[in-house]
Amino acid sequence: MVFGERYIYTSGDLHKTGLINEETARISRVVIHPKFRGIGLGEHLVRETLSRSGVRVIEALAVMAKYNPFFERAGMLRVNYERHDSAANKKISEFLKQRSFDFTLSKSKAYCCNFFSCLEDEDRKVLLGYLADFVQQPFIKIKTVEADLLTKIFPSEGAYLYWMNTST
């Protein structure tokens, strides 16, 4: 989406997979001790990392970037994107909406398990069927279908950011 055709993978194209592995890096987490927050340390660390990375592209997917734009202040660019749920995700979402599921608590294992246990037997069977469909999707590595799987279906809404090394 951001880099054009360079990294778009097509089945069997190992060259592009190799390019991605060789030319890109990802910042997974930037954690600053609470005592040192608010002084620009996160921005400084990211800026220094970018310039010393030796790779063509660095990317970050960060929920906190929505609230604290230190990645952008360090020189990364934000990409606005729209998420499209799969058919399996849509079925699960609709099913849960109809039963007053609180999506703000979807990351809570206790909430999801309690919600599941309060469903009627028939609704539990239907939901387990939807969850079984969900785990059959490509790129889903979880294969155990249990109530706490609900915590993994709805991704956190993060910001995607990238930086391109113009000196390589």
Protein backbone atom coordinates (compact mmCIF):
# COMPACT_ATOMS: atom_id res chain seq x y z
CA MET A 1 0.00 0.00 0.00
CA VAL A 2 2.77 2.43 0.94
CA PHE A 3 5.72 1.14 -1.06
CA GLY A 4 4.09 0.22 -4.35
CA GLU A 5 4.95 -3.06 -6.03
CA ARG A 6 8.34 -3.52 -4.38
CA TYR A 7 7.15 -5.67 -1.45
CA ILE A 8 3.83 -7.06 -2.70
CA TYR A 9 4.04 -10.80 -2.26
CA THR A 10 2.56 -13.18 -4.78
CA SER A 11 2.43 -16.90 -4.21
CA GLY A 12 5.80 -18.51 -4.83
CA ASP A 13 7.70 -15.21 -5.19
CA LEU A 14 10.54 -15.84 -2.76
CA HIS A 15 12.51 -12.86 -4.09
CA LYS A 16 9.97 -10.39 -2.68
CA THR A 17 9.87 -12.26 0.61
CA GLY A 18 13.64 -11.97 0.76
CA LEU A 19 13.45 -8.22 0.05
CA ILE A 20 11.04 -7.72 2.91
CA ASN A 21 13.30 -9.62 5.30
CA GLU A 22 16.46 -7.83 4.13
CA GLU A 23 15.19 -4.29 3.73
CA THR A 24 12.63 -3.76 6.47
CA ALA A 25 12.68 -3.68 10.23
CA ARG A 26 9.94 -3.13 12.78
CA ILE A 27 9.87 -1.24 16.03
CA SER A 28 7.71 -3.43 18.22
CA ARG A 29 7.69 -1.54 21.49
CA VAL A 30 9.13 1.60 22.98
CA VAL A 31 8.82 1.49 26.73
CA ILE A 32 10.04 4.34 28.87
CA HIS A 33 10.11 4.09 32.66
CA PRO A 34 7.37 6.34 34.10
CA LYS A 35 9.99 8.41 35.92
CA PHE A 36 11.50 9.47 32.58
CA ARG A 37 8.36 10.02 30.50
CA GLY A 38 7.47 13.43 29.13
CA ILE A 39 11.04 14.60 28.45
CA GLY A 40 11.25 13.47 24.82
CA LEU A 41 13.26 10.33 25.49
CA GLY A 42 11.02 8.06 23.34
CA GLU A 43 11.28 10.47 20.41
CA HIS A 44 15.06 10.66 20.84
CA LEU A 45 15.49 6.88 21.00
CA VAL A 46 13.37 6.32 17.88
CA ARG A 47 15.13 9.09 15.91
CA GLU A 48 18.55 7.65 16.80
CA THR A 49 17.42 4.12 15.93
CA LEU A 50 16.08 5.21 12.54
CA SER A 51 19.30 6.86 11.47
CA ARG A 52 21.47 3.92 12.54
CA SER A 53 19.33 1.01 11.36
CA GLY A 54 21.03 0.23 8.07
CA VAL A 55 17.74 -0.89 6.52
CA ARG A 56 15.63 0.72 3.83
CA VAL A 57 12.31 0.83 5.71
CA ILE A 58 11.34 0.81 9.38
CA GLU A 59 7.73 0.37 10.35
CA ALA A 60 5.74 0.49 13.57
CA LEU A 61 2.19 -0.48 14.41
CA ALA A 62 1.38 1.17 17.70
CA VAL A 63 -1.83 1.77 19.61
CA MET A 64 -0.17 4.46 21.72
CA ALA A 65 0.78 6.41 18.57
CA LYS A 66 -2.85 7.54 18.44
CA TYR A 67 -2.36 9.30 21.78
CA ASN A 68 1.33 10.18 21.87
CA PRO A 69 2.80 11.09 18.47
CA PHE A 70 6.48 10.63 19.39
CA PHE A 71 7.03 8.33 16.37
CA GLU A 72 5.95 11.17 14.10
CA ARG A 73 8.07 13.70 15.97
CA ALA A 74 11.01 11.33 15.45
CA GLY A 75 10.49 11.45 11.67
CA MET A 76 8.12 8.57 10.90
CA LEU A 77 5.09 9.07 8.68
CA ARG A 78 1.62 7.93 9.68
CA VAL A 79 -0.47 6.02 7.16
CA ASN A 80 -4.21 6.21 7.53
CA TYR A 81 -5.85 2.96 6.63
CA GLU A 82 -9.22 1.33 6.95
CA ARG A 83 -9.53 -2.15 8.34
CA HIS A 84 -11.82 -4.60 6.58
CA ASP A 85 -13.10 -7.49 8.63
CA SER A 86 -13.34 -10.95 7.13
CA ALA A 87 -16.72 -12.64 6.70
CA ALA A 88 -15.95 -14.77 9.79
CA ASN A 89 -15.21 -11.66 11.88
CA LYS A 90 -18.39 -9.98 10.67
CA LYS A 91 -20.52 -12.98 11.67
CA ILE A 92 -18.99 -13.03 15.13
CA SER A 93 -19.37 -9.26 15.56
CA GLU A 94 -23.01 -9.30 14.52
CA PHE A 95 -23.76 -12.28 16.77
CA LEU A 96 -22.14 -10.54 19.74
CA LYS A 97 -23.84 -7.18 19.05
CA GLN A 98 -27.23 -8.89 19.10
CA ARG A 99 -26.38 -10.25 22.56
CA SER A 100 -25.11 -6.93 24.00
CA PHE A 101 -21.43 -7.84 24.08
CA ASP A 102 -19.34 -4.94 25.42
CA PHE A 103 -16.64 -4.54 22.76
CA THR A 104 -14.65 -2.19 25.01
CA LEU A 105 -13.96 -5.23 27.20
CA SER A 106 -13.07 -7.56 24.34
CA LYS A 107 -9.43 -7.87 25.49
CA SER A 108 -10.49 -9.10 28.95
CA LYS A 109 -10.27 -12.88 29.21
CA ALA A 110 -12.46 -12.82 32.35
CA TYR A 111 -15.16 -10.77 30.60
CA CYS A 112 -15.16 -12.94 27.45
CA CYS A 113 -15.28 -16.20 29.42
CA ASN A 114 -18.05 -14.88 31.66
CA PHE A 115 -20.02 -13.62 28.66
CA PHE A 116 -19.68 -17.02 27.01
CA SER A 117 -20.76 -18.89 30.15
CA CYS A 118 -23.90 -16.73 30.43
CA LEU A 119 -25.05 -17.62 26.90
CA GLU A 120 -27.77 -20.20 26.39
CA ASP A 121 -26.57 -23.62 25.22
CA GLU A 122 -27.73 -23.09 21.63
CA ASP A 123 -26.02 -19.68 21.43
CA ARG A 124 -22.79 -21.21 22.78
CA LYS A 125 -22.89 -23.83 20.02
CA VAL A 126 -23.47 -21.19 17.35
CA LEU A 127 -20.64 -19.02 18.66
CA LEU A 128 -18.26 -21.97 18.83
CA GLY A 129 -19.12 -22.70 15.19
CA TYR A 130 -18.29 -19.11 14.22
CA LEU A 131 -15.02 -19.34 16.18
CA ALA A 132 -14.18 -22.60 14.40
CA ASP A 133 -14.66 -20.76 11.07
CA PHE A 134 -12.46 -17.92 12.33
CA VAL A 135 -9.47 -20.18 13.10
CA GLN A 136 -9.65 -21.69 9.59
CA GLN A 137 -8.69 -18.37 7.99
CA PRO A 138 -5.23 -17.96 6.46
CA PHE A 139 -2.64 -16.41 8.80
CA ILE A 140 -4.56 -17.41 11.95
CA LYS A 141 -2.20 -19.51 14.02
CA ILE A 142 -4.55 -20.24 16.91
CA LYS A 143 -6.32 -23.55 16.48
CA THR A 144 -7.92 -24.04 19.90
CA VAL A 145 -11.56 -22.97 19.89
CA GLU A 146 -12.46 -21.77 23.38
CA ALA A 147 -14.29 -18.79 24.85
CA ASP A 148 -11.10 -16.82 25.48
CA LEU A 149 -10.46 -16.81 21.73
CA LEU A 150 -12.83 -13.82 21.69
CA THR A 151 -9.98 -11.75 23.19
CA LYS A 152 -7.94 -12.26 20.02
CA ILE A 153 -10.55 -11.63 17.33
CA PHE A 154 -10.88 -7.87 17.60
CA PRO A 155 -7.54 -6.16 17.03
CA SER A 156 -6.53 -3.02 18.83
CA GLU A 157 -6.83 0.00 16.61
CA GLY A 158 -3.26 1.08 16.14
CA ALA A 159 -1.56 3.56 13.90
CA TYR A 160 0.77 2.33 11.15
CA LEU A 161 3.90 4.42 10.73
CA TYR A 162 6.95 4.05 8.53
CA TRP A 163 10.28 5.66 7.79
CA MET A 164 12.32 5.30 4.62
CA ASN A 165 16.07 5.60 4.67
CA THR A 166 16.92 8.02 1.87
CA SER A 167 20.67 7.37 2.16
CA THR A 168 20.55 3.70 1.08
